[in-house]
Each structure stands twice: as structure tokens, then as C-alpha cells.
Amino acid sequence: MTPLLDVRNITKSYGARLGCKDVNFTLWPGEVMGVVGESGSGKSTLLGCLAGQLAPDAGEVIFDTRAEGPRDTLLMAEAERRMLARTDWAFVHQNARDGLRMGVSAGGNVGERLMAVGARNYGDIRTRAADWLDRVDIAADRMDDRPGTFSGGMQQRLQIARNLVTGPRLVFMDEPTGGLDVSVQARLLDLMRGLVRQMGLSAVIVTHDLAVVRLLADRLMVMKDGHVVESGLTDQVLDDPQHGYTQLLVSSVLQV
């Protein structure tokens, strides 16, 4: 089997400050990789490099494209990367407003992504948008409402619908439950877990919340000061952490 994503020696610095260094991992179809660490650990820098939002100083991001097989996305033309971001990739932001068009209706937000990949029949677009709003528990009578009238949890669910409507194979998630109330987080996590399994999605999830990766991630990488200090199966890493930093992360959660 060919890996969906093969990350090799990704390194990024901001002047004298290290973002991440020599990060390597392989992601298989249908697998979810969690990346955890405190603020400043390098996890968001890594995600930005993988998703094409930051240009790394070194390394390769090899993605198994549908048409041409494995390609280094860092060597793609900008137009190719943009098309990849609309079709096979998706990005779920921590702040849903960063991933939504706030001046466009809920249905329009979902429909826009369909139009970006060539859909033109208005009736079909509206039907598919309505189906996806239902899948993320947004009532049909809110379809023509703008996202600004939604709660934070609803905005995040709308962002997920907008991202997944085109059937991507790889989803990048940046603190997807950050800033939400605990009860809202639980509902969103349950939704995300169901969609990941139903659609056979691969995902890279960056978070500081170990409960999120415990629920969603098959494997886990722990980052500190730009370096991966521990990796392995999620339950194995969290139940029997080997590195001192991972032990501190786990014990801090247990003490809460």
C-alpha cells in the first residue's frame, strides 16, 4: 500500500527561532495522526508547512495524488496546490470564522466549495448543501441564515460541512475544539469521529487537548521545542509515556 502522506525532514525557522526541525512521519489511508504539545512546541508550524500555508526551509511533503501518484506538494505550482486544497485536502481552523465566508449564507458556504470544483446546477448544489447541513446537525430552516447568527459550535460544524462536501481524502485540523464549551466540544468530537470513520478520512490533528487525540487519533506525535520527542500508537503513548516531557503532559491532565 502507498502512504497517503509521507513527510520527510520538515524544518522551519523564523530567523533565530526554531519552528520545527527534521519532522518525519508516514500517514496511511484512513489513518488519523495527532500532534500534541504546549504552545510554542512547533505543532502549528508543522501543520502550516504540511498544508501549504507556510514554506518550510527544508524537507518534502509527498502526497499520493489521484492522477499522478506520489508528488512533493512543495514543488507543485501554486495553482496545483490551490486545486488540491479545494478537492483532496481540507483545513479546519480553530476559529471557524477563518474558514467561513461570514457574508454568505450557511448553504452558500457549502455550495461555494462545490462550485470551486466545477458544480454548476443550482438545484443539485442546494440539495447537496442541505444534505451536508443535516449531517452536521444544522436544521434545514437555517440554510439561508448567515454564519454570524450561529453559535460557536454551529459555526464549527458548518466549517466542517464546507470542508467535507467535496469528499477530501486528507483533512488538516488546527485545534478544532479550542475555545468551545466542554459540552459543545463533546458533541463536536462525536460528530468528527463519526465522519472520519464513515468517509474513511485521513487526518492530521494538532491540539493541546489529550482527550481530543485519545478519541480521534490512531497514532500520536509529541512535540517540544520544535522536535518530535515521542511517537507511537495513541493509547500506548498516553498510557505508558516514555519521554519525560510526555509524562509531564499526561500527569498534568490527570491532576486537573
C-alpha atoms as a PDB file:
ATOM      1  CA  MET A   1       0.000   0.000   0.000  1.00  0.00           C
ATOM      2  CA  THR A   2       1.205   3.504  -0.834  1.00  0.00           C
ATOM      3  CA  PRO A   3       1.202   6.046   2.015  1.00  0.00           C
ATOM      4  CA  LEU A   4      -1.269   8.873   1.525  1.00  0.00           C
ATOM      5  CA  LEU A   5       1.222  11.334   3.021  1.00  0.00           C
ATOM      6  CA  ASP A   6       4.957  10.883   3.521  1.00  0.00           C
ATOM      7  CA  VAL A   7       6.569  13.708   5.489  1.00  0.00           C
ATOM      8  CA  ARG A   8      10.353  13.889   5.319  1.00  0.00           C
ATOM      9  CA  ASN A   9      12.662  16.113   7.377  1.00  0.00           C
ATOM     10  CA  ILE A  10      10.366  19.143   7.550  1.00  0.00           C
ATOM     11  CA  THR A  11      12.279  22.051   9.037  1.00  0.00           C
ATOM     12  CA  LYS A  12      11.158  25.658   9.515  1.00  0.00           C
ATOM     13  CA  SER A  13      12.790  28.553  11.367  1.00  0.00           C
ATOM     14  CA  TYR A  14      11.730  32.142  11.939  1.00  0.00           C
ATOM     15  CA  GLY A  15      15.098  33.882  11.959  1.00  0.00           C
ATOM     16  CA  ALA A  16      16.914  32.587  15.028  1.00  0.00           C
ATOM     17  CA  ARG A  17      13.755  30.956  16.426  1.00  0.00           C
ATOM     18  CA  LEU A  18      13.143  27.321  15.545  1.00  0.00           C
ATOM     19  CA  GLY A  19       9.652  26.387  14.413  1.00  0.00           C
ATOM     20  CA  CYS A  20      10.174  22.676  13.789  1.00  0.00           C
ATOM     21  CA  LYS A  21      13.156  20.544  12.818  1.00  0.00           C
ATOM     22  CA  ASP A  22      13.575  17.244  10.961  1.00  0.00           C
ATOM     23  CA  VAL A  23       9.987  16.056  11.410  1.00  0.00           C
ATOM     24  CA  ASN A  24       9.277  12.721   9.728  1.00  0.00           C
ATOM     25  CA  PHE A  25       6.155  10.570   9.626  1.00  0.00           C
ATOM     26  CA  THR A  26       4.034   8.478   7.287  1.00  0.00           C
ATOM     27  CA  LEU A  27       0.238   8.686   7.166  1.00  0.00           C
ATOM     28  CA  TRP A  28      -1.729   5.811   5.668  1.00  0.00           C
ATOM     29  CA  PRO A  29      -5.169   5.988   4.011  1.00  0.00           C
ATOM     30  CA  GLY A  30      -7.901   6.140   6.662  1.00  0.00           C
ATOM     31  CA  GLU A  31      -5.465   6.924   9.486  1.00  0.00           C
ATOM     32  CA  VAL A  32      -5.607   9.858  11.915  1.00  0.00           C
ATOM     33  CA  MET A  33      -2.368  11.323  13.283  1.00  0.00           C
ATOM     34  CA  GLY A  34      -2.497  13.518  16.373  1.00  0.00           C
ATOM     35  CA  VAL A  35       0.186  16.120  17.121  1.00  0.00           C
ATOM     36  CA  VAL A  36       0.298  17.428  20.687  1.00  0.00           C
ATOM     37  CA  GLY A  37       2.454  19.811  22.675  1.00  0.00           C
ATOM     38  CA  GLU A  38       2.287  23.064  24.573  1.00  0.00           C
ATOM     39  CA  SER A  39       2.078  26.469  22.887  1.00  0.00           C
ATOM     40  CA  GLY A  40       5.346  27.107  21.069  1.00  0.00           C
ATOM     41  CA  SER A  41       6.135  23.424  20.636  1.00  0.00           C
ATOM     42  CA  GLY A  42       6.069  23.701  16.839  1.00  0.00           C
ATOM     43  CA  LYS A  43       2.891  21.775  16.138  1.00  0.00           C
ATOM     44  CA  SER A  44       1.057  24.611  14.353  1.00  0.00           C
ATOM     45  CA  THR A  45       4.183  25.472  12.343  1.00  0.00           C
ATOM     46  CA  LEU A  46       4.352  21.848  11.230  1.00  0.00           C
ATOM     47  CA  LEU A  47       0.680  21.843  10.221  1.00  0.00           C
ATOM     48  CA  GLY A  48       1.145  25.048   8.235  1.00  0.00           C
ATOM     49  CA  CYS A  49       4.066  23.501   6.343  1.00  0.00           C
ATOM     50  CA  LEU A  50       2.108  20.324   5.575  1.00  0.00           C
ATOM     51  CA  ALA A  51      -0.975  22.226   4.382  1.00  0.00           C
ATOM     52  CA  GLY A  52       0.956  24.577   2.117  1.00  0.00           C
ATOM     53  CA  GLN A  53       0.325  27.650   4.263  1.00  0.00           C
ATOM     54  CA  LEU A  54       3.989  28.018   5.230  1.00  0.00           C
ATOM     55  CA  ALA A  55       7.094  27.371   3.143  1.00  0.00           C
ATOM     56  CA  PRO A  56       9.499  25.117   5.062  1.00  0.00           C
ATOM     57  CA  ASP A  57      13.249  25.713   4.895  1.00  0.00           C
ATOM     58  CA  ALA A  58      13.863  22.053   4.098  1.00  0.00           C
ATOM     59  CA  GLY A  59      12.070  18.753   3.647  1.00  0.00           C
ATOM     60  CA  GLU A  60       9.450  17.072   1.488  1.00  0.00           C
ATOM     61  CA  VAL A  61       5.675  16.593   1.739  1.00  0.00           C
ATOM     62  CA  ILE A  62       4.842  13.678  -0.546  1.00  0.00           C
ATOM     63  CA  PHE A  63       1.112  13.260  -1.244  1.00  0.00           C
ATOM     64  CA  ASP A  64      -0.351  10.348  -3.206  1.00  0.00           C
ATOM     65  CA  THR A  65      -2.323  12.277  -5.832  1.00  0.00           C
ATOM     66  CA  ARG A  66      -5.194  10.625  -7.664  1.00  0.00           C
ATOM     67  CA  ALA A  67      -3.871  11.362 -11.156  1.00  0.00           C
ATOM     68  CA  GLU A  68      -0.109  11.119 -10.872  1.00  0.00           C
ATOM     69  CA  GLY A  69       0.630   9.140  -7.717  1.00  0.00           C
ATOM     70  CA  PRO A  70       3.124  10.421  -5.115  1.00  0.00           C
ATOM     71  CA  ARG A  71       4.145  14.068  -5.638  1.00  0.00           C
ATOM     72  CA  ASP A  72       6.094  16.502  -3.493  1.00  0.00           C
ATOM     73  CA  THR A  73       3.492  19.200  -2.868  1.00  0.00           C
ATOM     74  CA  LEU A  74       6.228  21.709  -2.034  1.00  0.00           C
ATOM     75  CA  LEU A  75       7.371  21.529  -5.672  1.00  0.00           C
ATOM     76  CA  MET A  76       3.885  21.960  -7.128  1.00  0.00           C
ATOM     77  CA  ALA A  77       2.875  25.157  -8.881  1.00  0.00           C
ATOM     78  CA  GLU A  78       0.675  27.414  -6.759  1.00  0.00           C
ATOM     79  CA  ALA A  79      -2.357  26.687  -8.938  1.00  0.00           C
ATOM     80  CA  GLU A  80      -1.896  22.933  -8.413  1.00  0.00           C
ATOM     81  CA  ARG A  81      -1.708  23.365  -4.650  1.00  0.00           C
ATOM     82  CA  ARG A  82      -4.826  25.538  -4.643  1.00  0.00           C
ATOM     83  CA  MET A  83      -6.758  22.879  -6.570  1.00  0.00           C
ATOM     84  CA  LEU A  84      -5.514  20.218  -4.152  1.00  0.00           C
ATOM     85  CA  ALA A  85      -6.746  22.353  -1.248  1.00  0.00           C
ATOM     86  CA  ARG A  86     -10.222  22.508  -2.847  1.00  0.00           C
ATOM     87  CA  THR A  87     -10.512  18.825  -3.709  1.00  0.00           C
ATOM     88  CA  ASP A  88      -8.438  16.205  -1.886  1.00  0.00           C
ATOM     89  CA  TRP A  89      -7.432  18.386   1.081  1.00  0.00           C
ATOM     90  CA  ALA A  90      -9.418  20.287   3.671  1.00  0.00           C
ATOM     91  CA  PHE A  91      -8.398  22.576   6.539  1.00  0.00           C
ATOM     92  CA  VAL A  92     -10.483  23.042   9.696  1.00  0.00           C
ATOM     93  CA  HIS A  93      -9.447  26.163  11.594  1.00  0.00           C
ATOM     94  CA  GLN A  94      -9.666  26.648  15.347  1.00  0.00           C
ATOM     95  CA  ASN A  95     -11.662  29.826  14.780  1.00  0.00           C
ATOM     96  CA  ALA A  96     -14.465  28.818  12.433  1.00  0.00           C
ATOM     97  CA  ARG A  97     -14.689  32.395  11.118  1.00  0.00           C
ATOM     98  CA  ASP A  98     -11.275  31.888   9.496  1.00  0.00           C
ATOM     99  CA  GLY A  99     -12.712  29.029   7.442  1.00  0.00           C
ATOM    100  CA  LEU A 100     -16.098  30.534   6.564  1.00  0.00           C
ATOM    101  CA  ARG A 101     -17.412  33.332   4.382  1.00  0.00           C
ATOM    102  CA  MET A 102     -19.291  35.295   7.021  1.00  0.00           C
ATOM    103  CA  GLY A 103     -21.236  37.366   4.478  1.00  0.00           C
ATOM    104  CA  VAL A 104     -22.599  34.267   2.713  1.00  0.00           C
ATOM    105  CA  SER A 105     -25.464  32.029   3.883  1.00  0.00           C
ATOM    106  CA  ALA A 106     -24.826  28.644   5.503  1.00  0.00           C
ATOM    107  CA  GLY A 107     -25.953  26.863   2.352  1.00  0.00           C
ATOM    108  CA  GLY A 108     -23.873  29.217   0.241  1.00  0.00           C
ATOM    109  CA  ASN A 109     -20.757  28.416   2.276  1.00  0.00           C
ATOM    110  CA  VAL A 110     -21.157  24.723   1.493  1.00  0.00           C
ATOM    111  CA  GLY A 111     -22.206  25.342  -2.107  1.00  0.00           C
ATOM    112  CA  GLU A 112     -19.210  27.579  -2.834  1.00  0.00           C
ATOM    113  CA  ARG A 113     -16.801  24.695  -2.352  1.00  0.00           C
ATOM    114  CA  LEU A 114     -18.838  22.566  -4.746  1.00  0.00           C
ATOM    115  CA  MET A 115     -18.760  25.360  -7.314  1.00  0.00           C
ATOM    116  CA  ALA A 116     -14.997  25.637  -6.880  1.00  0.00           C
ATOM    117  CA  VAL A 117     -14.645  22.089  -8.210  1.00  0.00           C
ATOM    118  CA  GLY A 118     -16.988  22.611 -11.153  1.00  0.00           C
ATOM    119  CA  ALA A 119     -20.562  22.101  -9.886  1.00  0.00           C
ATOM    120  CA  ARG A 120     -22.966  24.402 -11.749  1.00  0.00           C
ATOM    121  CA  ASN A 121     -26.521  23.076 -11.342  1.00  0.00           C
ATOM    122  CA  TYR A 122     -28.126  25.266  -8.675  1.00  0.00           C
ATOM    123  CA  GLY A 123     -30.694  22.666  -7.641  1.00  0.00           C
ATOM    124  CA  ASP A 124     -28.069  19.945  -7.219  1.00  0.00           C
ATOM    125  CA  ILE A 125     -25.775  22.267  -5.274  1.00  0.00           C
ATOM    126  CA  ARG A 126     -28.566  23.296  -2.918  1.00  0.00           C
ATOM    127  CA  THR A 127     -29.632  19.662  -2.403  1.00  0.00           C
ATOM    128  CA  ARG A 128     -26.095  18.566  -1.552  1.00  0.00           C
ATOM    129  CA  ALA A 129     -25.617  21.553   0.747  1.00  0.00           C
ATOM    130  CA  ALA A 130     -28.861  20.717   2.569  1.00  0.00           C
ATOM    131  CA  ASP A 131     -27.727  17.103   2.955  1.00  0.00           C
ATOM    132  CA  TRP A 132     -24.432  18.168   4.494  1.00  0.00           C
ATOM    133  CA  LEU A 133     -26.047  20.663   6.848  1.00  0.00           C
ATOM    134  CA  ASP A 134     -28.245  17.811   8.054  1.00  0.00           C
ATOM    135  CA  ARG A 135     -25.186  15.585   8.524  1.00  0.00           C
ATOM    136  CA  VAL A 136     -23.621  18.160  10.848  1.00  0.00           C
ATOM    137  CA  ASP A 137     -26.876  18.742  12.760  1.00  0.00           C
ATOM    138  CA  ILE A 138     -27.791  22.135  11.336  1.00  0.00           C
ATOM    139  CA  ALA A 139     -31.547  22.443  10.764  1.00  0.00           C
ATOM    140  CA  ALA A 140     -32.792  22.908   7.206  1.00  0.00           C
ATOM    141  CA  ASP A 141     -34.568  26.145   8.146  1.00  0.00           C
ATOM    142  CA  ARG A 142     -31.166  27.725   8.967  1.00  0.00           C
ATOM    143  CA  MET A 143     -29.814  27.109   5.461  1.00  0.00           C
ATOM    144  CA  ASP A 144     -30.273  30.692   4.306  1.00  0.00           C
ATOM    145  CA  ASP A 145     -29.047  32.251   7.554  1.00  0.00           C
ATOM    146  CA  ARG A 146     -25.589  33.758   7.743  1.00  0.00           C
ATOM    147  CA  PRO A 147     -22.924  32.186   9.986  1.00  0.00           C
ATOM    148  CA  GLY A 148     -22.830  35.281  12.223  1.00  0.00           C
ATOM    149  CA  THR A 149     -26.246  34.271  13.582  1.00  0.00           C
ATOM    150  CA  PHE A 150     -24.908  30.834  14.631  1.00  0.00           C
ATOM    151  CA  SER A 151     -23.346  29.793  17.926  1.00  0.00           C
ATOM    152  CA  GLY A 152     -19.631  28.940  18.027  1.00  0.00           C
ATOM    153  CA  GLY A 153     -20.351  25.224  17.923  1.00  0.00           C
ATOM    154  CA  MET A 154     -22.698  25.609  14.949  1.00  0.00           C
ATOM    155  CA  GLN A 155     -20.112  27.700  13.101  1.00  0.00           C
ATOM    156  CA  GLN A 156     -17.545  24.957  13.616  1.00  0.00           C
ATOM    157  CA  ARG A 157     -19.974  22.314  12.351  1.00  0.00           C
ATOM    158  CA  LEU A 158     -20.719  24.496   9.320  1.00  0.00           C
ATOM    159  CA  GLN A 159     -16.989  24.822   8.639  1.00  0.00           C
ATOM    160  CA  ILE A 160     -16.704  21.026   8.735  1.00  0.00           C
ATOM    161  CA  ALA A 161     -19.599  20.671   6.257  1.00  0.00           C
ATOM    162  CA  ARG A 162     -17.998  23.232   3.930  1.00  0.00           C
ATOM    163  CA  ASN A 163     -14.717  21.311   4.044  1.00  0.00           C
ATOM    164  CA  LEU A 164     -16.034  17.777   3.639  1.00  0.00           C
ATOM    165  CA  VAL A 165     -18.699  18.287   0.975  1.00  0.00           C
ATOM    166  CA  THR A 166     -16.180  17.671  -1.837  1.00  0.00           C
ATOM    167  CA  GLY A 167     -15.069  14.341  -0.346  1.00  0.00           C
ATOM    168  CA  PRO A 168     -11.433  15.144   0.505  1.00  0.00           C
ATOM    169  CA  ARG A 169      -9.052  12.336   1.418  1.00  0.00           C
ATOM    170  CA  LEU A 170      -6.912  14.352   3.857  1.00  0.00           C
ATOM    171  CA  VAL A 171      -8.091  16.839   6.479  1.00  0.00           C
ATOM    172  CA  PHE A 172      -5.836  19.144   8.485  1.00  0.00           C
ATOM    173  CA  MET A 173      -7.344  20.247  11.813  1.00  0.00           C
ATOM    174  CA  ASP A 174      -5.888  23.042  13.936  1.00  0.00           C
ATOM    175  CA  GLU A 175      -7.254  22.903  17.497  1.00  0.00           C
ATOM    176  CA  PRO A 176     -10.741  22.055  16.163  1.00  0.00           C
ATOM    177  CA  THR A 177     -12.397  22.168  19.611  1.00  0.00           C
ATOM    178  CA  GLY A 178     -10.437  25.104  21.030  1.00  0.00           C
ATOM    179  CA  GLY A 179     -12.497  27.872  22.591  1.00  0.00           C
ATOM    180  CA  LEU A 180     -15.713  25.825  22.776  1.00  0.00           C
ATOM    181  CA  ASP A 181     -17.606  24.888  25.939  1.00  0.00           C
ATOM    182  CA  VAL A 182     -16.985  21.361  27.195  1.00  0.00           C
ATOM    183  CA  SER A 183     -20.473  20.114  26.295  1.00  0.00           C
ATOM    184  CA  VAL A 184     -20.160  21.615  22.801  1.00  0.00           C
ATOM    185  CA  GLN A 185     -16.706  20.048  22.433  1.00  0.00           C
ATOM    186  CA  ALA A 186     -18.083  16.603  23.248  1.00  0.00           C
ATOM    187  CA  ARG A 187     -20.819  16.890  20.618  1.00  0.00           C
ATOM    188  CA  LEU A 188     -18.362  18.138  18.004  1.00  0.00           C
ATOM    189  CA  LEU A 189     -15.846  15.377  18.747  1.00  0.00           C
ATOM    190  CA  ASP A 190     -18.540  12.731  18.447  1.00  0.00           C
ATOM    191  CA  LEU A 191     -19.574  14.204  15.082  1.00  0.00           C
ATOM    192  CA  MET A 192     -15.976  14.336  13.839  1.00  0.00           C
ATOM    193  CA  ARG A 193     -15.243  10.776  14.910  1.00  0.00           C
ATOM    194  CA  GLY A 194     -18.331   9.533  13.062  1.00  0.00           C
ATOM    195  CA  LEU A 195     -17.488  11.414   9.856  1.00  0.00           C
ATOM    196  CA  VAL A 196     -13.846  10.286   9.878  1.00  0.00           C
ATOM    197  CA  ARG A 197     -14.911   6.651  10.154  1.00  0.00           C
ATOM    198  CA  GLN A 198     -17.835   6.877   7.690  1.00  0.00           C
ATOM    199  CA  MET A 199     -15.794   8.625   4.996  1.00  0.00           C
ATOM    200  CA  GLY A 200     -12.530   6.753   5.585  1.00  0.00           C
ATOM    201  CA  LEU A 201     -10.758  10.086   6.020  1.00  0.00           C
ATOM    202  CA  SER A 202      -7.124  10.544   6.839  1.00  0.00           C
ATOM    203  CA  ALA A 203      -6.394  13.471   9.127  1.00  0.00           C
ATOM    204  CA  VAL A 204      -3.640  15.345  10.911  1.00  0.00           C
ATOM    205  CA  ILE A 205      -4.981  16.928  14.100  1.00  0.00           C
ATOM    206  CA  VAL A 206      -2.989  19.498  16.051  1.00  0.00           C
ATOM    207  CA  THR A 207      -4.164  20.090  19.613  1.00  0.00           C
ATOM    208  CA  HIS A 208      -3.023  20.640  23.173  1.00  0.00           C
ATOM    209  CA  ASP A 209      -6.008  18.601  24.408  1.00  0.00           C
ATOM    210  CA  LEU A 210      -5.063  14.981  25.047  1.00  0.00           C
ATOM    211  CA  ALA A 211      -8.738  13.988  25.281  1.00  0.00           C
ATOM    212  CA  VAL A 212      -9.185  15.018  21.632  1.00  0.00           C
ATOM    213  CA  VAL A 213      -6.379  12.784  20.381  1.00  0.00           C
ATOM    214  CA  ARG A 214      -7.430   9.960  22.687  1.00  0.00           C
ATOM    215  CA  LEU A 215     -10.824   9.934  20.964  1.00  0.00           C
ATOM    216  CA  LEU A 216      -9.820  10.657  17.366  1.00  0.00           C
ATOM    217  CA  ALA A 217      -6.193   9.721  16.669  1.00  0.00           C
ATOM    218  CA  ASP A 218      -4.790   6.311  15.787  1.00  0.00           C
ATOM    219  CA  ARG A 219      -1.219   7.481  16.283  1.00  0.00           C
ATOM    220  CA  LEU A 220       0.341  10.330  18.183  1.00  0.00           C
ATOM    221  CA  MET A 221       3.403  12.578  17.950  1.00  0.00           C
ATOM    222  CA  VAL A 222       4.519  14.677  20.910  1.00  0.00           C
ATOM    223  CA  MET A 223       6.419  17.875  20.088  1.00  0.00           C
ATOM    224  CA  LYS A 224       8.629  20.038  22.286  1.00  0.00           C
ATOM    225  CA  ASP A 225      10.750  22.981  21.175  1.00  0.00           C
ATOM    226  CA  GLY A 226      10.262  22.118  17.514  1.00  0.00           C
ATOM    227  CA  HIS A 227      11.274  18.473  17.824  1.00  0.00           C
ATOM    228  CA  VAL A 228       9.233  15.248  17.950  1.00  0.00           C
ATOM    229  CA  VAL A 229      10.223  13.746  21.306  1.00  0.00           C
ATOM    230  CA  GLU A 230       7.909  10.721  21.260  1.00  0.00           C
ATOM    231  CA  SER A 231       5.584   8.946  18.839  1.00  0.00           C
ATOM    232  CA  GLY A 232       3.566   5.756  18.638  1.00  0.00           C
ATOM    233  CA  LEU A 233       0.076   4.354  18.933  1.00  0.00           C
ATOM    234  CA  THR A 234      -2.098   6.857  20.792  1.00  0.00           C
ATOM    235  CA  ASP A 235      -3.123   4.627  23.686  1.00  0.00           C
ATOM    236  CA  GLN A 236       0.431   3.349  24.046  1.00  0.00           C
ATOM    237  CA  VAL A 237       1.913   6.850  24.246  1.00  0.00           C
ATOM    238  CA  LEU A 238      -0.733   8.179  26.647  1.00  0.00           C
ATOM    239  CA  ASP A 239      -0.922   5.100  28.899  1.00  0.00           C
ATOM    240  CA  ASP A 240       2.815   4.416  29.055  1.00  0.00           C
ATOM    241  CA  PRO A 241       4.699   7.617  28.134  1.00  0.00           C
ATOM    242  CA  GLN A 242       8.449   7.128  27.836  1.00  0.00           C
ATOM    243  CA  HIS A 243       9.765  10.668  27.457  1.00  0.00           C
ATOM    244  CA  GLY A 244       9.844  12.929  30.486  1.00  0.00           C
ATOM    245  CA  TYR A 245       8.000  15.709  28.665  1.00  0.00           C
ATOM    246  CA  THR A 246       5.186  13.367  27.631  1.00  0.00           C
ATOM    247  CA  GLN A 247       4.959  12.121  31.206  1.00  0.00           C
ATOM    248  CA  LEU A 248       4.534  15.725  32.381  1.00  0.00           C
ATOM    249  CA  LEU A 249       1.793  16.382  29.800  1.00  0.00           C
ATOM    250  CA  VAL A 250      -0.132  13.261  30.813  1.00  0.00           C
ATOM    251  CA  SER A 251       0.267  13.831  34.548  1.00  0.00           C
ATOM    252  CA  SER A 252      -0.866  17.468  34.255  1.00  0.00           C
ATOM    253  CA  VAL A 253      -4.142  16.243  32.731  1.00  0.00           C
ATOM    254  CA  LEU A 254      -4.601  13.607  35.431  1.00  0.00           C
ATOM    255  CA  GLN A 255      -4.138  16.230  38.153  1.00  0.00           C
ATOM    256  CA  VAL A 256      -6.836  18.523  36.795  1.00  0.00           C
END
